Amino acid sequence: GGTTTARAKALTEIVNLVDQIEYKDENGKDILGRIYEYLIKEFA
């Protein structure tokens, strides 16, 4: 963003996005690592 306020707004959107991520599957198993790896692959 071009200003401090605009940059803060962009960062709050990322925080909102990351906060929505469910870290457990339907059996309560932690899938955080898998999500992280998938994202690395997608970015790659």
ModelCIF file with pLDDT and N, C-alpha, C, O atoms, coordinates in Angstrom:
data_MODEL
#
_entry.id   MODEL 
#
_entity.id                         1 
_entity.type                       polymer 
_entity.pdbx_number_of_molecules   1 
#
_entity_poly.entity_id                      1 
_entity_poly.type                           'polypeptide(L)' 
_entity_poly.nstd_linkage                   no 
_entity_poly.nstd_monomer                   no 
_entity_poly.pdbx_seq_one_letter_code       GGTTTARAKALTEIVNLVDQIEYKDENGKDILGRIYEYLIKEFA 
_entity_poly.pdbx_seq_one_letter_code_can   GGTTTARAKALTEIVNLVDQIEYKDENGKDILGRIYEYLIKEFA 
_entity_poly.pdbx_strand_id                 A 
#
loop_
_entity_poly_seq.entity_id 
_entity_poly_seq.num 
_entity_poly_seq.mon_id 
_entity_poly_seq.hetero 
1 1  GLY n 
1 2  GLY n 
1 3  THR n 
1 4  THR n 
1 5  THR n 
1 6  ALA n 
1 7  ARG n 
1 8  ALA n 
1 9  LYS n 
1 10 ALA n 
1 11 LEU n 
1 12 THR n 
1 13 GLU n 
1 14 ILE n 
1 15 VAL n 
1 16 ASN n 
1 17 LEU n 
1 18 VAL n 
1 19 ASP n 
1 20 GLN n 
1 21 ILE n 
1 22 GLU n 
1 23 TYR n 
1 24 LYS n 
1 25 ASP n 
1 26 GLU n 
1 27 ASN n 
1 28 GLY n 
1 29 LYS n 
1 30 ASP n 
1 31 ILE n 
1 32 LEU n 
1 33 GLY n 
1 34 ARG n 
1 35 ILE n 
1 36 TYR n 
1 37 GLU n 
1 38 TYR n 
1 39 LEU n 
1 40 ILE n 
1 41 LYS n 
1 42 GLU n 
1 43 PHE n 
1 44 ALA n 
#
_struct_asym.id          A 
_struct_asym.entity_id   1 
#
loop_
_ma_qa_metric.id 
_ma_qa_metric.mode 
_ma_qa_metric.name 
_ma_qa_metric.software_group_id 
_ma_qa_metric.type 
1 global pLDDT . pLDDT 
2 local  pLDDT . pLDDT 
#
_ma_qa_metric_global.metric_id      1 
_ma_qa_metric_global.metric_value   83.43 
_ma_qa_metric_global.model_id       1 
_ma_qa_metric_global.ordinal_id     1 
#
loop_
_ma_qa_metric_local.label_asym_id 
_ma_qa_metric_local.label_comp_id 
_ma_qa_metric_local.label_seq_id 
_ma_qa_metric_local.metric_id 
_ma_qa_metric_local.metric_value 
_ma_qa_metric_local.model_id 
_ma_qa_metric_local.ordinal_id 
A GLY 1  2 87.00 1 1  
A GLY 2  2 88.00 1 2  
A THR 3  2 90.00 1 3  
A THR 4  2 89.00 1 4  
A THR 5  2 90.00 1 5  
A ALA 6  2 89.00 1 6  
A ARG 7  2 90.00 1 7  
A ALA 8  2 91.00 1 8  
A LYS 9  2 91.00 1 9  
A ALA 10 2 90.00 1 10 
A LEU 11 2 93.00 1 11 
A THR 12 2 94.00 1 12 
A GLU 13 2 91.00 1 13 
A ILE 14 2 91.00 1 14 
A VAL 15 2 94.00 1 15 
A ASN 16 2 92.00 1 16 
A LEU 17 2 89.00 1 17 
A VAL 18 2 91.00 1 18 
A ASP 19 2 92.00 1 19 
A GLN 20 2 88.00 1 20 
A ILE 21 2 84.00 1 21 
A GLU 22 2 81.00 1 22 
A TYR 23 2 78.00 1 23 
A LYS 24 2 75.00 1 24 
A ASP 25 2 73.00 1 25 
A GLU 26 2 75.00 1 26 
A ASN 27 2 76.00 1 27 
A GLY 28 2 72.00 1 28 
A LYS 29 2 73.00 1 29 
A ASP 30 2 74.00 1 30 
A ILE 31 2 76.00 1 31 
A LEU 32 2 78.00 1 32 
A GLY 33 2 78.00 1 33 
A ARG 34 2 79.00 1 34 
A ILE 35 2 82.00 1 35 
A TYR 36 2 80.00 1 36 
A GLU 37 2 79.00 1 37 
A TYR 38 2 80.00 1 38 
A LEU 39 2 81.00 1 39 
A ILE 40 2 79.00 1 40 
A LYS 41 2 79.00 1 41 
A GLU 42 2 79.00 1 42 
A PHE 43 2 77.00 1 43 
A ALA 44 2 73.00 1 44 
#
loop_
_atom_site.group_PDB 
_atom_site.id 
_atom_site.type_symbol 
_atom_site.label_atom_id 
_atom_site.label_alt_id 
_atom_site.label_comp_id 
_atom_site.label_asym_id 
_atom_site.label_entity_id 
_atom_site.label_seq_id 
_atom_site.pdbx_PDB_ins_code 
_atom_site.Cartn_x 
_atom_site.Cartn_y 
_atom_site.Cartn_z 
_atom_site.occupancy 
_atom_site.B_iso_or_equiv 
_atom_site.pdbx_formal_charge 
_atom_site.auth_seq_id 
_atom_site.auth_comp_id 
_atom_site.auth_asym_id 
_atom_site.auth_atom_id 
_atom_site.pdbx_PDB_model_num 
ATOM 1   N N  . GLY A 1 1  ? 0.842   -1.200  0.000  1.00 87.00 ? 1  GLY A N  1 
ATOM 2   C CA . GLY A 1 1  ? 0.000   0.000   0.000  1.00 87.00 ? 1  GLY A CA 1 
ATOM 3   C C  . GLY A 1 1  ? 0.872   1.244   0.000  1.00 87.00 ? 1  GLY A C  1 
ATOM 4   O O  . GLY A 1 1  ? 2.015   1.215   0.458  1.00 87.00 ? 1  GLY A O  1 
ATOM 5   N N  . GLY A 1 2  ? 0.329   2.326   -0.513 1.00 88.00 ? 2  GLY A N  1 
ATOM 6   C CA . GLY A 1 2  ? 1.120   3.551   -0.671 1.00 88.00 ? 2  GLY A CA 1 
ATOM 7   C C  . GLY A 1 2  ? 1.302   4.335   0.621  1.00 88.00 ? 2  GLY A C  1 
ATOM 8   O O  . GLY A 1 2  ? 2.209   5.162   0.716  1.00 88.00 ? 2  GLY A O  1 
ATOM 9   N N  . THR A 1 3  ? 0.448   4.086   1.627  1.00 90.00 ? 3  THR A N  1 
ATOM 10  C CA . THR A 1 3  ? 0.556   4.811   2.896  1.00 90.00 ? 3  THR A CA 1 
ATOM 11  C C  . THR A 1 3  ? 0.621   3.798   4.037  1.00 90.00 ? 3  THR A C  1 
ATOM 12  O O  . THR A 1 3  ? 0.322   2.617   3.859  1.00 90.00 ? 3  THR A O  1 
ATOM 13  N N  . THR A 1 4  ? 1.020   4.288   5.218  1.00 89.00 ? 4  THR A N  1 
ATOM 14  C CA . THR A 1 4  ? 1.081   3.412   6.394  1.00 89.00 ? 4  THR A CA 1 
ATOM 15  C C  . THR A 1 4  ? -0.289  2.805   6.676  1.00 89.00 ? 4  THR A C  1 
ATOM 16  O O  . THR A 1 4  ? -0.397  1.629   7.023  1.00 89.00 ? 4  THR A O  1 
ATOM 17  N N  . THR A 1 5  ? -1.337  3.619   6.523  1.00 90.00 ? 5  THR A N  1 
ATOM 18  C CA . THR A 1 5  ? -2.707  3.140   6.792  1.00 90.00 ? 5  THR A CA 1 
ATOM 19  C C  . THR A 1 5  ? -3.114  2.071   5.784  1.00 90.00 ? 5  THR A C  1 
ATOM 20  O O  . THR A 1 5  ? -3.717  1.060   6.146  1.00 90.00 ? 5  THR A O  1 
ATOM 21  N N  . ALA A 1 6  ? -2.776  2.306   4.504  1.00 89.00 ? 6  ALA A N  1 
ATOM 22  C CA . ALA A 1 6  ? -3.124  1.323   3.456  1.00 89.00 ? 6  ALA A CA 1 
ATOM 23  C C  . ALA A 1 6  ? -2.386  0.003   3.697  1.00 89.00 ? 6  ALA A C  1 
ATOM 24  O O  . ALA A 1 6  ? -2.942  -1.078  3.505  1.00 89.00 ? 6  ALA A O  1 
ATOM 25  N N  . ARG A 1 7  ? -1.129  0.113   4.118  1.00 90.00 ? 7  ARG A N  1 
ATOM 26  C CA . ARG A 1 7  ? -0.351  -1.110  4.382  1.00 90.00 ? 7  ARG A CA 1 
ATOM 27  C C  . ARG A 1 7  ? -0.934  -1.858  5.580  1.00 90.00 ? 7  ARG A C  1 
ATOM 28  O O  . ARG A 1 7  ? -1.032  -3.086  5.570  1.00 90.00 ? 7  ARG A O  1 
ATOM 29  N N  . ALA A 1 8  ? -1.318  -1.104  6.609  1.00 91.00 ? 8  ALA A N  1 
ATOM 30  C CA . ALA A 1 8  ? -1.924  -1.739  7.796  1.00 91.00 ? 8  ALA A CA 1 
ATOM 31  C C  . ALA A 1 8  ? -3.220  -2.452  7.418  1.00 91.00 ? 8  ALA A C  1 
ATOM 32  O O  . ALA A 1 8  ? -3.516  -3.528  7.937  1.00 91.00 ? 8  ALA A O  1 
ATOM 33  N N  . LYS A 1 9  ? -4.000  -1.840  6.499  1.00 91.00 ? 9  LYS A N  1 
ATOM 34  C CA . LYS A 1 9  ? -5.261  -2.456  6.043  1.00 91.00 ? 9  LYS A CA 1 
ATOM 35  C C  . LYS A 1 9  ? -4.970  -3.781  5.322  1.00 91.00 ? 9  LYS A C  1 
ATOM 36  O O  . LYS A 1 9  ? -5.653  -4.783  5.537  1.00 91.00 ? 9  LYS A O  1 
ATOM 37  N N  . ALA A 1 10 ? -3.941  -3.763  4.461  1.00 90.00 ? 10 ALA A N  1 
ATOM 38  C CA . ALA A 1 10 ? -3.577  -4.990  3.735  1.00 90.00 ? 10 ALA A CA 1 
ATOM 39  C C  . ALA A 1 10 ? -3.147  -6.079  4.715  1.00 90.00 ? 10 ALA A C  1 
ATOM 40  O O  . ALA A 1 10 ? -3.488  -7.247  4.533  1.00 90.00 ? 10 ALA A O  1 
ATOM 41  N N  . LEU A 1 11 ? -2.399  -5.700  5.751  1.00 93.00 ? 11 LEU A N  1 
ATOM 42  C CA . LEU A 1 11 ? -1.929  -6.677  6.737  1.00 93.00 ? 11 LEU A CA 1 
ATOM 43  C C  . LEU A 1 11 ? -3.080  -7.227  7.573  1.00 93.00 ? 11 LEU A C  1 
ATOM 44  O O  . LEU A 1 11 ? -3.084  -8.404  7.935  1.00 93.00 ? 11 LEU A O  1 
ATOM 45  N N  . THR A 1 12 ? -4.072  -6.357  7.882  1.00 94.00 ? 12 THR A N  1 
ATOM 46  C CA . THR A 1 12 ? -5.224  -6.863  8.651  1.00 94.00 ? 12 THR A CA 1 
ATOM 47  C C  . THR A 1 12 ? -6.023  -7.855  7.812  1.00 94.00 ? 12 THR A C  1 
ATOM 48  O O  . THR A 1 12 ? -6.595  -8.801  8.353  1.00 94.00 ? 12 THR A O  1 
ATOM 49  N N  . GLU A 1 13 ? -6.068  -7.649  6.497  1.00 91.00 ? 13 GLU A N  1 
ATOM 50  C CA . GLU A 1 13 ? -6.772  -8.612  5.622  1.00 91.00 ? 13 GLU A CA 1 
ATOM 51  C C  . GLU A 1 13 ? -6.062  -9.970  5.655  1.00 91.00 ? 13 GLU A C  1 
ATOM 52  O O  . GLU A 1 13 ? -6.704  -11.020 5.657  1.00 91.00 ? 13 GLU A O  1 
ATOM 53  N N  . ILE A 1 14 ? -4.725  -9.927  5.682  1.00 91.00 ? 14 ILE A N  1 
ATOM 54  C CA . ILE A 1 14 ? -3.968  -11.193 5.745  1.00 91.00 ? 14 ILE A CA 1 
ATOM 55  C C  . ILE A 1 14 ? -4.210  -11.871 7.091  1.00 91.00 ? 14 ILE A C  1 
ATOM 56  O O  . ILE A 1 14 ? -4.368  -13.090 7.156  1.00 91.00 ? 14 ILE A O  1 
ATOM 57  N N  . VAL A 1 15 ? -4.239  -11.081 8.161  1.00 94.00 ? 15 VAL A N  1 
ATOM 58  C CA . VAL A 1 15 ? -4.518  -11.644 9.493  1.00 94.00 ? 15 VAL A CA 1 
ATOM 59  C C  . VAL A 1 15 ? -5.892  -12.312 9.499  1.00 94.00 ? 15 VAL A C  1 
ATOM 60  O O  . VAL A 1 15 ? -6.043  -13.425 10.004 1.00 94.00 ? 15 VAL A O  1 
ATOM 61  N N  . ASN A 1 16 ? -6.890  -11.632 8.938  1.00 92.00 ? 16 ASN A N  1 
ATOM 62  C CA . ASN A 1 16 ? -8.237  -12.220 8.852  1.00 92.00 ? 16 ASN A CA 1 
ATOM 63  C C  . ASN A 1 16 ? -8.231  -13.533 8.089  1.00 92.00 ? 16 ASN A C  1 
ATOM 64  O O  . ASN A 1 16 ? -8.871  -14.505 8.490  1.00 92.00 ? 16 ASN A O  1 
ATOM 65  N N  . LEU A 1 17 ? -7.495  -13.547 6.978  1.00 89.00 ? 17 LEU A N  1 
ATOM 66  C CA . LEU A 1 17 ? -7.418  -14.756 6.149  1.00 89.00 ? 17 LEU A CA 1 
ATOM 67  C C  . LEU A 1 17 ? -6.764  -15.898 6.932  1.00 89.00 ? 17 LEU A C  1 
ATOM 68  O O  . LEU A 1 17 ? -7.282  -17.014 6.964  1.00 89.00 ? 17 LEU A O  1 
ATOM 69  N N  . VAL A 1 18 ? -5.623  -15.607 7.563  1.00 91.00 ? 18 VAL A N  1 
ATOM 70  C CA . VAL A 1 18 ? -4.888  -16.643 8.299  1.00 91.00 ? 18 VAL A CA 1 
ATOM 71  C C  . VAL A 1 18 ? -5.699  -17.119 9.509  1.00 91.00 ? 18 VAL A C  1 
ATOM 72  O O  . VAL A 1 18 ? -5.629  -18.290 9.883  1.00 91.00 ? 18 VAL A O  1 
ATOM 73  N N  . ASP A 1 19 ? -6.468  -16.209 10.119 1.00 92.00 ? 19 ASP A N  1 
ATOM 74  C CA . ASP A 1 19 ? -7.259  -16.587 11.288 1.00 92.00 ? 19 ASP A CA 1 
ATOM 75  C C  . ASP A 1 19 ? -8.403  -17.529 10.924 1.00 92.00 ? 19 ASP A C  1 
ATOM 76  O O  . ASP A 1 19 ? -8.890  -18.277 11.772 1.00 92.00 ? 19 ASP A O  1 
ATOM 77  N N  . GLN A 1 20 ? -8.833  -17.490 9.660  1.00 88.00 ? 20 GLN A N  1 
ATOM 78  C CA . GLN A 1 20 ? -9.935  -18.371 9.226  1.00 88.00 ? 20 GLN A CA 1 
ATOM 79  C C  . GLN A 1 20 ? -9.484  -19.811 8.989  1.00 88.00 ? 20 GLN A C  1 
ATOM 80  O O  . GLN A 1 20 ? -10.309 -20.722 8.922  1.00 88.00 ? 20 GLN A O  1 
ATOM 81  N N  . ILE A 1 21 ? -8.179  -20.009 8.865  1.00 84.00 ? 21 ILE A N  1 
ATOM 82  C CA . ILE A 1 21 ? -7.684  -21.346 8.513  1.00 84.00 ? 21 ILE A CA 1 
ATOM 83  C C  . ILE A 1 21 ? -7.979  -22.327 9.642  1.00 84.00 ? 21 ILE A C  1 
ATOM 84  O O  . ILE A 1 21 ? -7.634  -22.093 10.801 1.00 84.00 ? 21 ILE A O  1 
ATOM 85  N N  . GLU A 1 22 ? -8.627  -23.428 9.273  1.00 81.00 ? 22 GLU A N  1 
ATOM 86  C CA . GLU A 1 22 ? -8.861  -24.490 10.260 1.00 81.00 ? 22 GLU A CA 1 
ATOM 87  C C  . GLU A 1 22 ? -7.623  -25.375 10.278 1.00 81.00 ? 22 GLU A C  1 
ATOM 88  O O  . GLU A 1 22 ? -7.188  -25.875 9.240  1.00 81.00 ? 22 GLU A O  1 
ATOM 89  N N  . TYR A 1 23 ? -7.065  -25.562 11.463 1.00 78.00 ? 23 TYR A N  1 
ATOM 90  C CA . TYR A 1 23 ? -5.828  -26.333 11.567 1.00 78.00 ? 23 TYR A CA 1 
ATOM 91  C C  . TYR A 1 23 ? -6.057  -27.815 11.851 1.00 78.00 ? 23 TYR A C  1 
ATOM 92  O O  . TYR A 1 23 ? -5.108  -28.593 11.957 1.00 78.00 ? 23 TYR A O  1 
ATOM 93  N N  . LYS A 1 24 ? -7.328  -28.194 11.973 1.00 75.00 ? 24 LYS A N  1 
ATOM 94  C CA . LYS A 1 24 ? -7.617  -29.610 12.280 1.00 75.00 ? 24 LYS A CA 1 
ATOM 95  C C  . LYS A 1 24 ? -8.570  -30.159 11.227 1.00 75.00 ? 24 LYS A C  1 
ATOM 96  O O  . LYS A 1 24 ? -9.417  -29.438 10.700 1.00 75.00 ? 24 LYS A O  1 
ATOM 97  N N  . ASP A 1 25 ? -8.418  -31.464 10.925 1.00 73.00 ? 25 ASP A N  1 
ATOM 98  C CA . ASP A 1 25 ? -9.368  -32.070 9.988  1.00 73.00 ? 25 ASP A CA 1 
ATOM 99  C C  . ASP A 1 25 ? -10.591 -32.580 10.753 1.00 73.00 ? 25 ASP A C  1 
ATOM 100 O O  . ASP A 1 25 ? -10.726 -32.344 11.954 1.00 73.00 ? 25 ASP A O  1 
ATOM 101 N N  . GLU A 1 26 ? -11.484 -33.284 10.040 1.00 75.00 ? 26 GLU A N  1 
ATOM 102 C CA . GLU A 1 26 ? -12.733 -33.711 10.685 1.00 75.00 ? 26 GLU A CA 1 
ATOM 103 C C  . GLU A 1 26 ? -12.507 -34.696 11.837 1.00 75.00 ? 26 GLU A C  1 
ATOM 104 O O  . GLU A 1 26 ? -13.392 -34.881 12.673 1.00 75.00 ? 26 GLU A O  1 
ATOM 105 N N  . ASN A 1 27 ? -11.321 -35.332 11.886 1.00 76.00 ? 27 ASN A N  1 
ATOM 106 C CA . ASN A 1 27 ? -11.015 -36.246 13.001 1.00 76.00 ? 27 ASN A CA 1 
ATOM 107 C C  . ASN A 1 27 ? -10.210 -35.560 14.101 1.00 76.00 ? 27 ASN A C  1 
ATOM 108 O O  . ASN A 1 27 ? -9.728  -36.210 15.029 1.00 76.00 ? 27 ASN A O  1 
ATOM 109 N N  . GLY A 1 28 ? -10.070 -34.244 13.986 1.00 72.00 ? 28 GLY A N  1 
ATOM 110 C CA . GLY A 1 28 ? -9.313  -33.504 15.011 1.00 72.00 ? 28 GLY A CA 1 
ATOM 111 C C  . GLY A 1 28 ? -7.807  -33.605 14.843 1.00 72.00 ? 28 GLY A C  1 
ATOM 112 O O  . GLY A 1 28 ? -7.050  -33.197 15.725 1.00 72.00 ? 28 GLY A O  1 
ATOM 113 N N  . LYS A 1 29 ? -7.364  -34.156 13.697 1.00 73.00 ? 29 LYS A N  1 
ATOM 114 C CA . LYS A 1 29 ? -5.922  -34.331 13.465 1.00 73.00 ? 29 LYS A CA 1 
ATOM 115 C C  . LYS A 1 29 ? -5.337  -33.016 12.943 1.00 73.00 ? 29 LYS A C  1 
ATOM 116 O O  . LYS A 1 29 ? -5.946  -32.332 12.121 1.00 73.00 ? 29 LYS A O  1 
ATOM 117 N N  . ASP A 1 30 ? -4.158  -32.685 13.433 1.00 74.00 ? 30 ASP A N  1 
ATOM 118 C CA . ASP A 1 30 ? -3.513  -31.436 13.031 1.00 74.00 ? 30 ASP A CA 1 
ATOM 119 C C  . ASP A 1 30 ? -3.048  -31.530 11.572 1.00 74.00 ? 30 ASP A C  1 
ATOM 120 O O  . ASP A 1 30 ? -2.245  -32.396 11.225 1.00 74.00 ? 30 ASP A O  1 
ATOM 121 N N  . ILE A 1 31 ? -3.560  -30.631 10.722 1.00 76.00 ? 31 ILE A N  1 
ATOM 122 C CA . ILE A 1 31 ? -3.160  -30.665 9.308  1.00 76.00 ? 31 ILE A CA 1 
ATOM 123 C C  . ILE A 1 31 ? -2.417  -29.387 8.909  1.00 76.00 ? 31 ILE A C  1 
ATOM 124 O O  . ILE A 1 31 ? -2.254  -29.086 7.727  1.00 76.00 ? 31 ILE A O  1 
ATOM 125 N N  . LEU A 1 32 ? -1.972  -28.645 9.930  1.00 78.00 ? 32 LEU A N  1 
ATOM 126 C CA . LEU A 1 32 ? -1.296  -27.386 9.660  1.00 78.00 ? 32 LEU A CA 1 
ATOM 127 C C  . LEU A 1 32 ? -0.074  -27.562 8.758  1.00 78.00 ? 32 LEU A C  1 
ATOM 128 O O  . LEU A 1 32 ? 0.111   -26.820 7.793  1.00 78.00 ? 32 LEU A O  1 
ATOM 129 N N  . GLY A 1 33 ? 0.753   -28.551 9.085  1.00 78.00 ? 33 GLY A N  1 
ATOM 130 C CA . GLY A 1 33 ? 1.952   -28.793 8.291  1.00 78.00 ? 33 GLY A CA 1 
ATOM 131 C C  . GLY A 1 33 ? 1.622   -29.066 6.837  1.00 78.00 ? 33 GLY A C  1 
ATOM 132 O O  . GLY A 1 33 ? 2.300   -28.582 5.931  1.00 78.00 ? 33 GLY A O  1 
ATOM 133 N N  . ARG A 1 34 ? 0.570   -29.849 6.622  1.00 79.00 ? 34 ARG A N  1 
ATOM 134 C CA . ARG A 1 34 ? 0.179   -30.187 5.245  1.00 79.00 ? 34 ARG A CA 1 
ATOM 135 C C  . ARG A 1 34 ? -0.301  -28.950 4.490  1.00 79.00 ? 34 ARG A C  1 
ATOM 136 O O  . ARG A 1 34 ? 0.009   -28.766 3.313  1.00 79.00 ? 34 ARG A O  1 
ATOM 137 N N  . ILE A 1 35 ? -1.065  -28.106 5.190  1.00 82.00 ? 35 ILE A N  1 
ATOM 138 C CA . ILE A 1 35 ? -1.556  -26.879 4.554  1.00 82.00 ? 35 ILE A CA 1 
ATOM 139 C C  . ILE A 1 35 ? -0.372  -25.997 4.160  1.00 82.00 ? 35 ILE A C  1 
ATOM 140 O O  . ILE A 1 35 ? -0.330  -25.430 3.069  1.00 82.00 ? 35 ILE A O  1 
ATOM 141 N N  . TYR A 1 36 ? 0.578   -25.900 5.071  1.00 80.00 ? 36 TYR A N  1 
ATOM 142 C CA . TYR A 1 36 ? 1.770   -25.079 4.833  1.00 80.00 ? 36 TYR A CA 1 
ATOM 143 C C  . TYR A 1 36 ? 2.533   -25.581 3.611  1.00 80.00 ? 36 TYR A C  1 
ATOM 144 O O  . TYR A 1 36 ? 2.965   -24.804 2.761  1.00 80.00 ? 36 TYR A O  1 
ATOM 145 N N  . GLU A 1 37 ? 2.685   -26.906 3.549  1.00 79.00 ? 37 GLU A N  1 
ATOM 146 C CA . GLU A 1 37 ? 3.426   -27.511 2.432  1.00 79.00 ? 37 GLU A CA 1 
ATOM 147 C C  . GLU A 1 37 ? 2.674   -27.312 1.109  1.00 79.00 ? 37 GLU A C  1 
ATOM 148 O O  . GLU A 1 37 ? 3.288   -27.026 0.081  1.00 79.00 ? 37 GLU A O  1 
ATOM 149 N N  . TYR A 1 38 ? 1.354   -27.465 1.138  1.00 80.00 ? 38 TYR A N  1 
ATOM 150 C CA . TYR A 1 38 ? 0.546   -27.218 -0.065 1.00 80.00 ? 38 TYR A CA 1 
ATOM 151 C C  . TYR A 1 38 ? 0.736   -25.790 -0.563 1.00 80.00 ? 38 TYR A C  1 
ATOM 152 O O  . TYR A 1 38 ? 0.884   -25.548 -1.761 1.00 80.00 ? 38 TYR A O  1 
ATOM 153 N N  . LEU A 1 39 ? 0.729   -24.845 0.383  1.00 81.00 ? 39 LEU A N  1 
ATOM 154 C CA . LEU A 1 39 ? 0.875   -23.442 -0.011 1.00 81.00 ? 39 LEU A CA 1 
ATOM 155 C C  . LEU A 1 39 ? 2.253   -23.183 -0.607 1.00 81.00 ? 39 LEU A C  1 
ATOM 156 O O  . LEU A 1 39 ? 2.382   -22.464 -1.598 1.00 81.00 ? 39 LEU A O  1 
ATOM 157 N N  . ILE A 1 40 ? 3.284   -23.771 0.000  1.00 79.00 ? 40 ILE A N  1 
ATOM 158 C CA . ILE A 1 40 ? 4.633   -23.616 -0.556 1.00 79.00 ? 40 ILE A CA 1 
ATOM 159 C C  . ILE A 1 40 ? 4.654   -24.144 -1.990 1.00 79.00 ? 40 ILE A C  1 
ATOM 160 O O  . ILE A 1 40 ? 5.248   -23.538 -2.881 1.00 79.00 ? 40 ILE A O  1 
ATOM 161 N N  . LYS A 1 41 ? 3.993   -25.286 -2.193 1.00 79.00 ? 41 LYS A N  1 
ATOM 162 C CA . LYS A 1 41 ? 3.952   -25.885 -3.535 1.00 79.00 ? 41 LYS A CA 1 
ATOM 163 C C  . LYS A 1 41 ? 3.205   -24.975 -4.515 1.00 79.00 ? 41 LYS A C  1 
ATOM 164 O O  . LYS A 1 41 ? 3.653   -24.768 -5.642 1.00 79.00 ? 41 LYS A O  1 
ATOM 165 N N  . GLU A 1 42 ? 2.065   -24.435 -4.077 1.00 79.00 ? 42 GLU A N  1 
ATOM 166 C CA . GLU A 1 42 ? 1.292   -23.545 -4.955 1.00 79.00 ? 42 GLU A CA 1 
ATOM 167 C C  . GLU A 1 42 ? 2.096   -22.298 -5.329 1.00 79.00 ? 42 GLU A C  1 
ATOM 168 O O  . GLU A 1 42 ? 2.109   -21.877 -6.486 1.00 79.00 ? 42 GLU A O  1 
ATOM 169 N N  . PHE A 1 43 ? 2.768   -21.714 -4.326 1.00 77.00 ? 43 PHE A N  1 
ATOM 170 C CA . PHE A 1 43 ? 3.594   -20.539 -4.609 1.00 77.00 ? 43 PHE A CA 1 
ATOM 171 C C  . PHE A 1 43 ? 4.738   -20.922 -5.551 1.00 77.00 ? 43 PHE A C  1 
ATOM 172 O O  . PHE A 1 43 ? 5.134   -20.141 -6.416 1.00 77.00 ? 43 PHE A O  1 
ATOM 173 N N  . ALA A 1 44 ? 5.264   -22.146 -5.365 1.00 73.00 ? 44 ALA A N  1 
ATOM 174 C CA . ALA A 1 44 ? 6.358   -22.602 -6.225 1.00 73.00 ? 44 ALA A CA 1 
ATOM 175 C C  . ALA A 1 44 ? 5.889   -22.734 -7.671 1.00 73.00 ? 44 ALA A C  1 
ATOM 176 O O  . ALA A 1 44 ? 6.674   -23.107 -8.543 1.00 73.00 ? 44 ALA A O  1 
#
